[in-house]
Amino acid sequence: MNKKRKKFYHNMKSEKVDKELDETLTDNVEGVETESAESEIEETKSEIDILREKNQQLEEQLEKEKNEYLFLRADFENFRKRTLKEKSDLIRNGAESAFKELLPVVDDFERGIQAMVESADSESIKEGMTLIYNKFIKYLEQNGVKPMDTAEGADFDSDSQEAVAMFPVDDESRKGKIIDTVQKGYVLHDKVLRHAKVVVGQ
């Protein structure tokens, strides 16, 4: 075998070996790439599963809190309606009680009017009217209504009294004092129910 032929065969063997090496290397690289891709896919699937599970938990929590909110809202609405009804009943029943206690006073007035028609005795009529008046004042006091103190010579109080007239006085000590009461004032549990109308010294 001459040198050229030997060289040819040698080159052929080298090319064959190189080709085999390239194929082996390519297979190994493809294998590594395939394994890496499969690993990434598995990791991605795992992350997706975790996210789905968290999403499911959040949806369940949201639904639970939504139901609790609706329950609390309904409970508050019932409480509001019940409170309004109780307040309305209290006002209505309070007025009912007040008017019911006034009816005996009305009965006394009717008897007094009838007595005035049937009797000419002015003293007994006067006595009967005084009894009715005292009974009515007692009823007012029992319910917290009391007349203001507007005695002559008392200091004028603009918070609870209304000066309807100013009367000139010679005595300096009577200036700014109550001279006369035109209309009584009343308080309800220390709150002004009606201002007293008075004449004040000037």
N, C-alpha and C. Protein backbone atom coordinates (compact mmCIF):
# COMPACT_ATOMS: atom_id res chain seq x y z
N MET A 1 0.87 -1.18 0.00
CA MET A 1 0.00 0.00 0.00
C MET A 1 0.90 1.22 0.00
N ASN A 2 0.64 2.08 -0.94
CA ASN A 2 1.51 3.25 -1.04
C ASN A 2 1.11 4.30 -0.01
N LYS A 3 1.87 5.32 0.07
CA LYS A 3 1.69 6.36 1.10
C LYS A 3 0.38 7.13 0.90
N LYS A 4 0.04 7.38 -0.33
CA LYS A 4 -1.18 8.14 -0.61
C LYS A 4 -2.41 7.39 -0.12
N ARG A 5 -2.38 6.06 -0.39
CA ARG A 5 -3.53 5.27 0.02
C ARG A 5 -3.61 5.22 1.55
N LYS A 6 -2.47 5.07 2.20
CA LYS A 6 -2.45 5.04 3.66
C LYS A 6 -3.00 6.35 4.22
N LYS A 7 -2.58 7.43 3.63
CA LYS A 7 -3.03 8.74 4.09
C LYS A 7 -4.54 8.90 3.88
N PHE A 8 -5.03 8.36 2.77
CA PHE A 8 -6.46 8.43 2.47
C PHE A 8 -7.26 7.69 3.53
N TYR A 9 -6.80 6.43 3.81
CA TYR A 9 -7.48 5.62 4.82
C TYR A 9 -7.42 6.29 6.21
N HIS A 10 -6.28 6.88 6.47
CA HIS A 10 -6.12 7.55 7.77
C HIS A 10 -7.10 8.73 7.89
N ASN A 11 -7.21 9.49 6.80
CA ASN A 11 -8.14 10.63 6.80
C ASN A 11 -9.59 10.16 6.94
N MET A 12 -9.85 9.04 6.26
CA MET A 12 -11.22 8.47 6.34
C MET A 12 -11.54 8.07 7.77
N LYS A 13 -10.61 7.43 8.43
CA LYS A 13 -10.82 6.98 9.82
C LYS A 13 -11.00 8.20 10.74
N SER A 14 -10.21 9.24 10.51
CA SER A 14 -10.30 10.45 11.34
C SER A 14 -11.67 11.11 11.18
N GLU A 15 -12.11 11.18 9.93
CA GLU A 15 -13.44 11.79 9.67
C GLU A 15 -14.53 10.97 10.32
N LYS A 16 -14.38 9.64 10.25
CA LYS A 16 -15.39 8.75 10.85
C LYS A 16 -15.43 8.93 12.36
N VAL A 17 -14.24 8.99 12.94
CA VAL A 17 -14.15 9.17 14.41
C VAL A 17 -14.74 10.52 14.81
N ASP A 18 -14.40 11.56 14.02
CA ASP A 18 -14.92 12.90 14.33
C ASP A 18 -16.44 12.93 14.22
N LYS A 19 -16.92 12.24 13.20
CA LYS A 19 -18.37 12.19 12.99
C LYS A 19 -19.06 11.49 14.16
N GLU A 20 -18.47 10.38 14.60
CA GLU A 20 -19.03 9.63 15.72
C GLU A 20 -19.01 10.48 17.00
N LEU A 21 -17.88 11.18 17.16
CA LEU A 21 -17.77 12.04 18.33
C LEU A 21 -18.83 13.16 18.31
N ASP A 22 -19.01 13.74 17.11
CA ASP A 22 -20.02 14.80 16.98
C ASP A 22 -21.41 14.27 17.29
N GLU A 23 -21.70 13.07 16.78
CA GLU A 23 -23.02 12.48 17.03
C GLU A 23 -23.22 12.20 18.51
N THR A 24 -22.18 11.65 19.11
CA THR A 24 -22.26 11.32 20.55
C THR A 24 -22.46 12.61 21.37
N LEU A 25 -21.67 13.63 21.02
CA LEU A 25 -21.76 14.90 21.73
C LEU A 25 -23.14 15.54 21.55
N THR A 26 -23.64 15.46 20.29
CA THR A 26 -24.97 16.02 20.02
C THR A 26 -26.04 15.29 20.81
N ASP A 27 -25.94 13.96 20.84
CA ASP A 27 -26.92 13.17 21.61
C ASP A 27 -26.86 13.53 23.09
N ASN A 28 -25.63 13.68 23.60
CA ASN A 28 -25.49 14.03 25.02
C ASN A 28 -26.07 15.40 25.33
N VAL A 29 -25.77 16.37 24.43
CA VAL A 29 -26.29 17.73 24.61
C VAL A 29 -27.80 17.74 24.54
N GLU A 30 -28.34 17.01 23.53
CA GLU A 30 -29.81 16.94 23.40
C GLU A 30 -30.42 16.29 24.63
N GLY A 31 -29.72 15.27 25.14
CA GLY A 31 -30.21 14.60 26.34
C GLY A 31 -30.23 15.53 27.54
N VAL A 32 -29.13 16.29 27.66
CA VAL A 32 -29.06 17.25 28.77
C VAL A 32 -30.13 18.32 28.63
N GLU A 33 -30.29 18.84 27.40
CA GLU A 33 -31.31 19.87 27.15
C GLU A 33 -32.71 19.34 27.43
N THR A 34 -32.95 18.09 27.02
CA THR A 34 -34.26 17.48 27.25
C THR A 34 -34.53 17.32 28.74
N GLU A 35 -33.54 16.84 29.46
CA GLU A 35 -33.70 16.66 30.92
C GLU A 35 -33.92 18.01 31.60
N SER A 36 -33.17 19.03 31.16
CA SER A 36 -33.31 20.36 31.74
C SER A 36 -34.69 20.94 31.46
N ALA A 37 -35.17 20.77 30.23
CA ALA A 37 -36.49 21.27 29.86
C ALA A 37 -37.57 20.56 30.66
N GLU A 38 -37.43 19.23 30.79
CA GLU A 38 -38.42 18.46 31.55
C GLU A 38 -38.43 18.90 33.01
N SER A 39 -37.23 19.18 33.53
CA SER A 39 -37.12 19.64 34.91
C SER A 39 -37.80 20.99 35.10
N GLU A 40 -37.58 21.90 34.14
CA GLU A 40 -38.22 23.21 34.21
C GLU A 40 -39.74 23.10 34.10
N ILE A 41 -40.19 22.20 33.23
CA ILE A 41 -41.64 21.99 33.07
C ILE A 41 -42.25 21.48 34.37
N GLU A 42 -41.54 20.54 35.03
CA GLU A 42 -42.04 19.99 36.29
C GLU A 42 -42.10 21.08 37.36
N GLU A 43 -41.05 21.90 37.40
CA GLU A 43 -41.03 23.01 38.38
C GLU A 43 -42.16 23.99 38.11
N THR A 44 -42.38 24.31 36.84
CA THR A 44 -43.46 25.22 36.45
C THR A 44 -44.82 24.65 36.84
N LYS A 45 -45.00 23.33 36.57
CA LYS A 45 -46.26 22.68 36.95
C LYS A 45 -46.47 22.74 38.45
N SER A 46 -45.39 22.52 39.20
CA SER A 46 -45.46 22.55 40.66
C SER A 46 -45.85 23.95 41.15
N GLU A 47 -45.23 24.99 40.56
CA GLU A 47 -45.55 26.36 40.94
C GLU A 47 -47.01 26.69 40.59
N ILE A 48 -47.47 26.23 39.45
CA ILE A 48 -48.87 26.46 39.04
C ILE A 48 -49.82 25.80 40.03
N ASP A 49 -49.48 24.58 40.44
CA ASP A 49 -50.33 23.87 41.41
C ASP A 49 -50.38 24.63 42.73
N ILE A 50 -49.22 25.15 43.17
CA ILE A 50 -49.17 25.91 44.42
C ILE A 50 -50.02 27.17 44.31
N LEU A 51 -49.88 27.87 43.16
CA LEU A 51 -50.65 29.09 42.95
C LEU A 51 -52.16 28.80 42.89
N ARG A 52 -52.52 27.69 42.25
CA ARG A 52 -53.94 27.30 42.19
C ARG A 52 -54.48 27.04 43.59
N GLU A 53 -53.66 26.37 44.40
CA GLU A 53 -54.08 26.04 45.77
C GLU A 53 -54.25 27.32 46.59
N LYS A 54 -53.29 28.25 46.45
CA LYS A 54 -53.40 29.53 47.16
C LYS A 54 -54.61 30.31 46.69
N ASN A 55 -54.84 30.31 45.39
CA ASN A 55 -55.99 31.00 44.83
C ASN A 55 -57.30 30.43 45.37
N GLN A 56 -57.35 29.11 45.46
CA GLN A 56 -58.53 28.44 46.00
C GLN A 56 -58.76 28.84 47.47
N GLN A 57 -57.66 28.88 48.24
CA GLN A 57 -57.75 29.27 49.64
C GLN A 57 -58.24 30.71 49.78
N LEU A 58 -57.71 31.60 48.92
CA LEU A 58 -58.12 33.00 48.96
C LEU A 58 -59.59 33.16 48.58
N GLU A 59 -60.04 32.40 47.59
CA GLU A 59 -61.45 32.46 47.19
C GLU A 59 -62.36 31.98 48.32
N GLU A 60 -61.93 30.91 49.00
CA GLU A 60 -62.72 30.39 50.12
C GLU A 60 -62.76 31.40 51.27
N GLN A 61 -61.61 32.03 51.55
CA GLN A 61 -61.55 33.04 52.61
C GLN A 61 -62.41 34.25 52.27
N LEU A 62 -62.34 34.67 50.99
CA LEU A 62 -63.15 35.80 50.54
C LEU A 62 -64.64 35.49 50.67
N GLU A 63 -65.03 34.30 50.29
CA GLU A 63 -66.44 33.89 50.39
C GLU A 63 -66.90 33.87 51.84
N LYS A 64 -66.01 33.37 52.71
CA LYS A 64 -66.32 33.31 54.14
C LYS A 64 -66.52 34.71 54.71
N GLU A 65 -65.57 35.63 54.39
CA GLU A 65 -65.67 36.99 54.89
C GLU A 65 -66.87 37.73 54.30
N LYS A 66 -67.19 37.43 53.06
CA LYS A 66 -68.37 38.04 52.43
C LYS A 66 -69.64 37.61 53.15
N ASN A 67 -69.73 36.32 53.48
CA ASN A 67 -70.90 35.81 54.21
C ASN A 67 -70.99 36.43 55.59
N GLU A 68 -69.83 36.58 56.27
CA GLU A 68 -69.82 37.20 57.59
C GLU A 68 -70.27 38.65 57.51
N TYR A 69 -69.80 39.36 56.48
CA TYR A 69 -70.19 40.76 56.30
C TYR A 69 -71.70 40.87 56.07
N LEU A 70 -72.24 40.00 55.21
CA LEU A 70 -73.68 40.04 54.93
C LEU A 70 -74.48 39.73 56.19
N PHE A 71 -73.96 38.79 57.01
CA PHE A 71 -74.64 38.44 58.26
C PHE A 71 -74.64 39.62 59.22
N LEU A 72 -73.46 40.28 59.36
CA LEU A 72 -73.37 41.43 60.25
C LEU A 72 -74.25 42.58 59.77
N ARG A 73 -74.29 42.77 58.46
CA ARG A 73 -75.12 43.85 57.91
C ARG A 73 -76.60 43.58 58.19
N ALA A 74 -77.02 42.34 57.98
CA ALA A 74 -78.42 41.98 58.25
C ALA A 74 -78.73 42.12 59.74
N ASP A 75 -77.78 41.72 60.59
CA ASP A 75 -77.96 41.82 62.03
C ASP A 75 -78.09 43.28 62.46
N PHE A 76 -77.23 44.15 61.89
CA PHE A 76 -77.28 45.58 62.21
C PHE A 76 -78.60 46.19 61.74
N GLU A 77 -79.05 45.79 60.55
CA GLU A 77 -80.30 46.32 60.02
C GLU A 77 -81.48 45.93 60.92
N ASN A 78 -81.47 44.68 61.40
CA ASN A 78 -82.51 44.23 62.32
C ASN A 78 -82.45 45.02 63.62
N PHE A 79 -81.22 45.25 64.12
CA PHE A 79 -81.04 46.02 65.35
C PHE A 79 -81.57 47.44 65.18
N ARG A 80 -81.26 48.07 64.03
CA ARG A 80 -81.71 49.43 63.76
C ARG A 80 -83.25 49.51 63.72
N LYS A 81 -83.86 48.56 63.02
CA LYS A 81 -85.32 48.54 62.93
C LYS A 81 -85.95 48.31 64.31
N ARG A 82 -85.35 47.39 65.08
CA ARG A 82 -85.89 47.10 66.41
C ARG A 82 -85.78 48.32 67.33
N THR A 83 -84.62 49.02 67.23
CA THR A 83 -84.41 50.22 68.06
C THR A 83 -85.41 51.32 67.70
N LEU A 84 -85.63 51.52 66.39
CA LEU A 84 -86.59 52.53 65.96
C LEU A 84 -88.00 52.20 66.44
N LYS A 85 -88.35 50.91 66.38
CA LYS A 85 -89.68 50.49 66.84
C LYS A 85 -89.83 50.70 68.34
N GLU A 86 -88.77 50.33 69.10
CA GLU A 86 -88.83 50.51 70.55
C GLU A 86 -88.93 51.98 70.91
N LYS A 87 -88.18 52.83 70.18
CA LYS A 87 -88.24 54.28 70.43
C LYS A 87 -89.63 54.82 70.12
N SER A 88 -90.19 54.37 68.99
CA SER A 88 -91.53 54.81 68.62
C SER A 88 -92.57 54.36 69.64
N ASP A 89 -92.44 53.11 70.10
CA ASP A 89 -93.37 52.58 71.12
C ASP A 89 -93.24 53.35 72.42
N LEU A 90 -91.97 53.69 72.78
CA LEU A 90 -91.73 54.42 74.02
C LEU A 90 -92.38 55.80 73.98
N ILE A 91 -92.23 56.49 72.85
CA ILE A 91 -92.83 57.82 72.70
C ILE A 91 -94.35 57.72 72.75
N ARG A 92 -94.89 56.74 72.00
CA ARG A 92 -96.34 56.59 71.95
C ARG A 92 -96.91 56.21 73.32
N ASN A 93 -96.24 55.23 73.98
CA ASN A 93 -96.73 54.78 75.28
C ASN A 93 -96.54 55.85 76.35
N GLY A 94 -95.45 56.65 76.22
CA GLY A 94 -95.22 57.73 77.18
C GLY A 94 -96.33 58.77 77.08
N ALA A 95 -96.69 59.14 75.86
CA ALA A 95 -97.78 60.09 75.67
C ALA A 95 -99.10 59.49 76.16
N GLU A 96 -99.28 58.21 75.92
CA GLU A 96 -100.51 57.53 76.37
C GLU A 96 -100.63 57.60 77.89
N SER A 97 -99.51 57.33 78.57
CA SER A 97 -99.51 57.36 80.03
C SER A 97 -99.80 58.76 80.56
N ALA A 98 -99.17 59.78 79.91
CA ALA A 98 -99.38 61.17 80.34
C ALA A 98 -100.84 61.58 80.20
N PHE A 99 -101.43 61.28 79.05
CA PHE A 99 -102.82 61.67 78.82
C PHE A 99 -103.78 60.89 79.72
N LYS A 100 -103.44 59.64 79.99
CA LYS A 100 -104.31 58.82 80.85
C LYS A 100 -104.37 59.41 82.27
N GLU A 101 -103.22 59.92 82.74
CA GLU A 101 -103.19 60.51 84.08
C GLU A 101 -103.87 61.87 84.12
N LEU A 102 -104.06 62.50 82.96
CA LEU A 102 -104.76 63.78 82.90
C LEU A 102 -106.28 63.63 82.93
N LEU A 103 -106.76 62.45 82.58
CA LEU A 103 -108.22 62.25 82.49
C LEU A 103 -108.95 62.51 83.82
N PRO A 104 -108.41 62.10 84.99
CA PRO A 104 -109.10 62.44 86.25
C PRO A 104 -109.23 63.95 86.46
N VAL A 105 -108.24 64.72 86.00
CA VAL A 105 -108.32 66.17 86.13
C VAL A 105 -109.46 66.71 85.25
N VAL A 106 -109.58 66.15 84.04
CA VAL A 106 -110.68 66.53 83.14
C VAL A 106 -112.02 66.20 83.79
N ASP A 107 -112.09 65.01 84.44
CA ASP A 107 -113.33 64.62 85.14
C ASP A 107 -113.68 65.65 86.22
N ASP A 108 -112.64 66.10 86.97
CA ASP A 108 -112.89 67.09 88.02
C ASP A 108 -113.38 68.41 87.44
N PHE A 109 -112.81 68.82 86.30
CA PHE A 109 -113.26 70.05 85.65
C PHE A 109 -114.72 69.94 85.23
N GLU A 110 -115.08 68.81 84.67
CA GLU A 110 -116.47 68.61 84.25
C GLU A 110 -117.43 68.68 85.44
N ARG A 111 -117.02 68.05 86.56
CA ARG A 111 -117.87 68.11 87.76
C ARG A 111 -117.95 69.54 88.29
N GLY A 112 -116.82 70.28 88.20
CA GLY A 112 -116.81 71.67 88.67
C GLY A 112 -117.72 72.54 87.82
N ILE A 113 -117.69 72.35 86.51
CA ILE A 113 -118.56 73.11 85.60
C ILE A 113 -120.03 72.81 85.88
N GLN A 114 -120.32 71.52 86.11
CA GLN A 114 -121.69 71.13 86.41
C GLN A 114 -122.15 71.74 87.73
N ALA A 115 -121.24 71.79 88.72
CA ALA A 115 -121.57 72.38 90.02
C ALA A 115 -121.85 73.87 89.89
N MET A 116 -121.09 74.57 89.01
CA MET A 116 -121.33 76.00 88.79
C MET A 116 -122.72 76.25 88.22
N VAL A 117 -123.15 75.34 87.34
CA VAL A 117 -124.47 75.49 86.72
C VAL A 117 -125.58 75.21 87.74
N GLU A 118 -125.36 74.19 88.56
CA GLU A 118 -126.43 73.74 89.46
C GLU A 118 -126.43 74.47 90.80
N SER A 119 -125.29 75.04 91.21
CA SER A 119 -125.20 75.64 92.55
C SER A 119 -124.89 77.13 92.44
N ALA A 120 -125.43 77.86 93.38
CA ALA A 120 -125.18 79.31 93.45
C ALA A 120 -124.18 79.63 94.55
N ASP A 121 -123.68 78.59 95.21
CA ASP A 121 -122.73 78.77 96.32
C ASP A 121 -121.34 79.03 95.74
N SER A 122 -120.93 80.29 95.71
CA SER A 122 -119.63 80.65 95.11
C SER A 122 -118.44 80.12 95.90
N GLU A 123 -118.62 80.01 97.20
CA GLU A 123 -117.50 79.52 98.03
C GLU A 123 -117.17 78.06 97.73
N SER A 124 -118.22 77.24 97.60
CA SER A 124 -117.97 75.81 97.30
C SER A 124 -117.37 75.65 95.89
N ILE A 125 -117.84 76.50 94.96
CA ILE A 125 -117.29 76.45 93.60
C ILE A 125 -115.81 76.84 93.62
N LYS A 126 -115.50 77.91 94.37
CA LYS A 126 -114.12 78.37 94.49
C LYS A 126 -113.24 77.28 95.11
N GLU A 127 -113.77 76.64 96.13
CA GLU A 127 -113.03 75.58 96.81
C GLU A 127 -112.79 74.40 95.86
N GLY A 128 -113.82 74.06 95.08
CA GLY A 128 -113.68 72.95 94.13
C GLY A 128 -112.64 73.26 93.06
N MET A 129 -112.65 74.48 92.52
CA MET A 129 -111.68 74.86 91.50
C MET A 129 -110.25 74.85 92.06
N THR A 130 -110.12 75.28 93.33
CA THR A 130 -108.80 75.27 93.98
C THR A 130 -108.29 73.84 94.12
N LEU A 131 -109.18 72.93 94.47
CA LEU A 131 -108.78 71.51 94.60
C LEU A 131 -108.32 70.94 93.25
N ILE A 132 -109.05 71.29 92.20
CA ILE A 132 -108.68 70.81 90.86
C ILE A 132 -107.32 71.38 90.45
N TYR A 133 -107.13 72.68 90.73
CA TYR A 133 -105.86 73.33 90.38
C TYR A 133 -104.70 72.66 91.11
N ASN A 134 -104.87 72.45 92.41
CA ASN A 134 -103.81 71.83 93.20
C ASN A 134 -103.51 70.40 92.72
N LYS A 135 -104.57 69.70 92.34
CA LYS A 135 -104.40 68.33 91.84
C LYS A 135 -103.60 68.35 90.53
N PHE A 136 -103.90 69.32 89.68
CA PHE A 136 -103.20 69.42 88.39
C PHE A 136 -101.73 69.82 88.59
N ILE A 137 -101.47 70.76 89.50
CA ILE A 137 -100.09 71.18 89.80
C ILE A 137 -99.30 70.00 90.36
N LYS A 138 -99.95 69.21 91.19
CA LYS A 138 -99.26 68.04 91.77
C LYS A 138 -98.90 67.04 90.67
N TYR A 139 -99.81 66.87 89.73
CA TYR A 139 -99.54 65.97 88.59
C TYR A 139 -98.33 66.47 87.79
N LEU A 140 -98.28 67.78 87.54
CA LEU A 140 -97.15 68.36 86.81
C LEU A 140 -95.84 68.15 87.56
N GLU A 141 -95.86 68.36 88.87
CA GLU A 141 -94.65 68.20 89.67
C GLU A 141 -94.16 66.75 89.67
N GLN A 142 -95.12 65.81 89.69
CA GLN A 142 -94.75 64.40 89.64
C GLN A 142 -94.07 64.04 88.32
N ASN A 143 -94.35 64.81 87.28
CA ASN A 143 -93.74 64.57 85.98
C ASN A 143 -92.58 65.51 85.69
N GLY A 144 -92.08 66.19 86.71
CA GLY A 144 -90.88 67.03 86.59
C GLY A 144 -91.12 68.44 86.14
N VAL A 145 -92.39 68.86 86.06
CA VAL A 145 -92.70 70.23 85.63
C VAL A 145 -92.94 71.09 86.87
N LYS A 146 -92.14 72.17 86.97
CA LYS A 146 -92.27 73.05 88.14
C LYS A 146 -92.27 74.51 87.69
N PRO A 147 -93.01 75.38 88.43
CA PRO A 147 -93.01 76.81 88.07
C PRO A 147 -91.69 77.46 88.46
N MET A 148 -91.27 78.48 87.69
CA MET A 148 -90.05 79.23 88.01
C MET A 148 -90.32 80.18 89.17
N ASP A 149 -89.24 80.50 89.86
CA ASP A 149 -89.34 81.48 90.94
C ASP A 149 -89.18 82.88 90.33
N THR A 150 -90.29 83.59 90.21
CA THR A 150 -90.25 84.96 89.66
C THR A 150 -90.88 85.92 90.67
N ALA A 151 -90.46 85.75 91.90
CA ALA A 151 -91.02 86.61 92.95
C ALA A 151 -90.58 88.05 92.74
N GLU A 152 -91.43 88.96 93.19
CA GLU A 152 -91.10 90.39 93.06
C GLU A 152 -89.82 90.70 93.83
N GLY A 153 -88.92 91.43 93.18
CA GLY A 153 -87.65 91.78 93.81
C GLY A 153 -86.52 90.82 93.47
N ALA A 154 -86.85 89.70 92.80
CA ALA A 154 -85.80 88.75 92.40
C ALA A 154 -85.03 89.29 91.20
N ASP A 155 -83.79 88.84 91.03
CA ASP A 155 -82.97 89.30 89.90
C ASP A 155 -83.54 88.79 88.58
N PHE A 156 -83.48 89.64 87.56
CA PHE A 156 -83.93 89.25 86.22
C PHE A 156 -82.89 88.30 85.60
N ASP A 157 -83.37 87.18 85.04
CA ASP A 157 -82.48 86.19 84.41
C ASP A 157 -82.91 86.04 82.95
N SER A 158 -82.08 86.55 82.05
CA SER A 158 -82.45 86.54 80.62
C SER A 158 -82.47 85.13 80.04
N ASP A 159 -81.82 84.16 80.70
CA ASP A 159 -81.81 82.78 80.20
C ASP A 159 -83.16 82.10 80.38
N SER A 160 -83.89 82.47 81.43
CA SER A 160 -85.15 81.79 81.71
C SER A 160 -86.36 82.73 81.71
N GLN A 161 -86.09 84.03 81.59
CA GLN A 161 -87.17 85.01 81.66
C GLN A 161 -87.14 85.95 80.47
N GLU A 162 -88.32 86.48 80.13
CA GLU A 162 -88.45 87.41 79.01
C GLU A 162 -89.04 88.72 79.54
N ALA A 163 -88.30 89.81 79.35
CA ALA A 163 -88.79 91.12 79.82
C ALA A 163 -89.76 91.68 78.79
N VAL A 164 -91.04 91.74 79.15
CA VAL A 164 -92.05 92.25 78.22
C VAL A 164 -92.22 93.76 78.38
N ALA A 165 -91.70 94.30 79.49
CA ALA A 165 -91.80 95.75 79.72
C ALA A 165 -90.72 96.18 80.71
N MET A 166 -90.30 97.44 80.57
CA MET A 166 -89.34 98.03 81.51
C MET A 166 -90.08 99.14 82.26
N PHE A 167 -90.04 99.07 83.58
CA PHE A 167 -90.80 100.03 84.41
C PHE A 167 -89.81 100.91 85.16
N PRO A 168 -89.93 102.25 84.98
CA PRO A 168 -89.02 103.14 85.69
C PRO A 168 -89.24 103.09 87.20
N VAL A 169 -88.14 102.99 87.94
CA VAL A 169 -88.22 102.94 89.41
C VAL A 169 -87.31 104.02 90.00
N ASP A 170 -87.72 104.53 91.16
CA ASP A 170 -86.93 105.55 91.85
C ASP A 170 -85.83 104.92 92.69
N ASP A 171 -86.13 103.75 93.23
CA ASP A 171 -85.17 103.07 94.11
C ASP A 171 -84.11 102.35 93.26
N GLU A 172 -82.86 102.71 93.46
CA GLU A 172 -81.77 102.10 92.69
C GLU A 172 -81.68 100.59 92.92
N SER A 173 -82.07 100.14 94.11
CA SER A 173 -81.96 98.71 94.44
C SER A 173 -82.96 97.86 93.66
N ARG A 174 -84.00 98.52 93.07
CA ARG A 174 -85.02 97.78 92.31
C ARG A 174 -84.72 97.72 90.82
N LYS A 175 -83.67 98.41 90.40
CA LYS A 175 -83.29 98.38 88.98
C LYS A 175 -82.71 97.00 88.63
N GLY A 176 -83.20 96.42 87.52
CA GLY A 176 -82.75 95.09 87.10
C GLY A 176 -83.44 93.97 87.87
N LYS A 177 -84.43 94.36 88.68
CA LYS A 177 -85.18 93.38 89.46
C LYS A 177 -86.57 93.19 88.85
N ILE A 178 -87.20 92.06 89.19
CA ILE A 178 -88.55 91.78 88.71
C ILE A 178 -89.55 92.62 89.50
N ILE A 179 -90.38 93.36 88.76
CA ILE A 179 -91.42 94.18 89.39
C ILE A 179 -92.74 93.43 89.41
N ASP A 180 -93.02 92.70 88.32
CA ASP A 180 -94.29 91.98 88.24
C ASP A 180 -94.14 90.80 87.27
N THR A 181 -94.95 89.76 87.45
CA THR A 181 -94.93 88.59 86.56
C THR A 181 -96.21 88.60 85.74
N VAL A 182 -96.05 88.72 84.43
CA VAL A 182 -97.21 88.73 83.53
C VAL A 182 -97.66 87.31 83.23
N GLN A 183 -96.72 86.41 83.03
CA GLN A 183 -97.03 85.00 82.77
C GLN A 183 -95.96 84.12 83.41
N LYS A 184 -96.40 83.11 84.13
CA LYS A 184 -95.45 82.21 84.80
C LYS A 184 -94.60 81.42 83.81
N GLY A 185 -93.38 81.15 84.21
CA GLY A 185 -92.51 80.27 83.44
C GLY A 185 -92.41 78.92 84.11
N TYR A 186 -92.10 77.88 83.32
CA TYR A 186 -92.00 76.52 83.87
C TYR A 186 -90.73 75.84 83.38
N VAL A 187 -90.23 74.95 84.23
CA VAL A 187 -89.05 74.15 83.87
C VAL A 187 -89.44 72.68 83.91
N LEU A 188 -88.80 71.90 83.03
CA LEU A 188 -88.99 70.46 83.01
C LEU A 188 -87.64 69.81 83.29
N HIS A 189 -87.51 69.27 84.51
CA HIS A 189 -86.23 68.68 84.95
C HIS A 189 -85.08 69.67 84.74
N ASP A 190 -85.25 70.88 85.24
CA ASP A 190 -84.25 71.96 85.18
C ASP A 190 -84.00 72.50 83.78
N LYS A 191 -84.81 72.11 82.82
CA LYS A 191 -84.73 72.67 81.47
C LYS A 191 -85.94 73.59 81.26
N VAL A 192 -85.69 74.75 80.64
CA VAL A 192 -86.78 75.72 80.45
C VAL A 192 -87.83 75.15 79.51
N LEU A 193 -89.04 75.03 80.04
CA LEU A 193 -90.17 74.56 79.24
C LEU A 193 -90.91 75.74 78.63
N ARG A 194 -91.04 76.81 79.43
CA ARG A 194 -91.63 78.06 78.95
C ARG A 194 -91.01 79.22 79.71
N HIS A 195 -90.54 80.23 78.97
CA HIS A 195 -89.94 81.39 79.60
C HIS A 195 -91.01 82.21 80.35
N ALA A 196 -90.61 82.74 81.49
CA ALA A 196 -91.53 83.60 82.24
C ALA A 196 -91.54 84.99 81.62
N LYS A 197 -92.70 85.60 81.54
CA LYS A 197 -92.83 86.97 81.02
C LYS A 197 -92.97 87.90 82.22
N VAL A 198 -92.02 88.82 82.33
CA VAL A 198 -91.96 89.67 83.54
C VAL A 198 -91.76 91.13 83.15
N VAL A 199 -92.08 92.00 84.15
CA VAL A 199 -91.80 93.42 84.04
C VAL A 199 -90.58 93.69 84.89
N VAL A 200 -89.61 94.43 84.32
CA VAL A 200 -88.33 94.64 85.00
C VAL A 200 -88.15 96.11 85.31
N GLY A 201 -87.59 96.39 86.49
CA GLY A 201 -87.33 97.76 86.91
C GLY A 201 -86.20 98.39 86.11
N GLN A 202 -86.36 99.67 85.78
CA GLN A 202 -85.35 100.37 84.98
C GLN A 202 -84.88 101.65 85.68
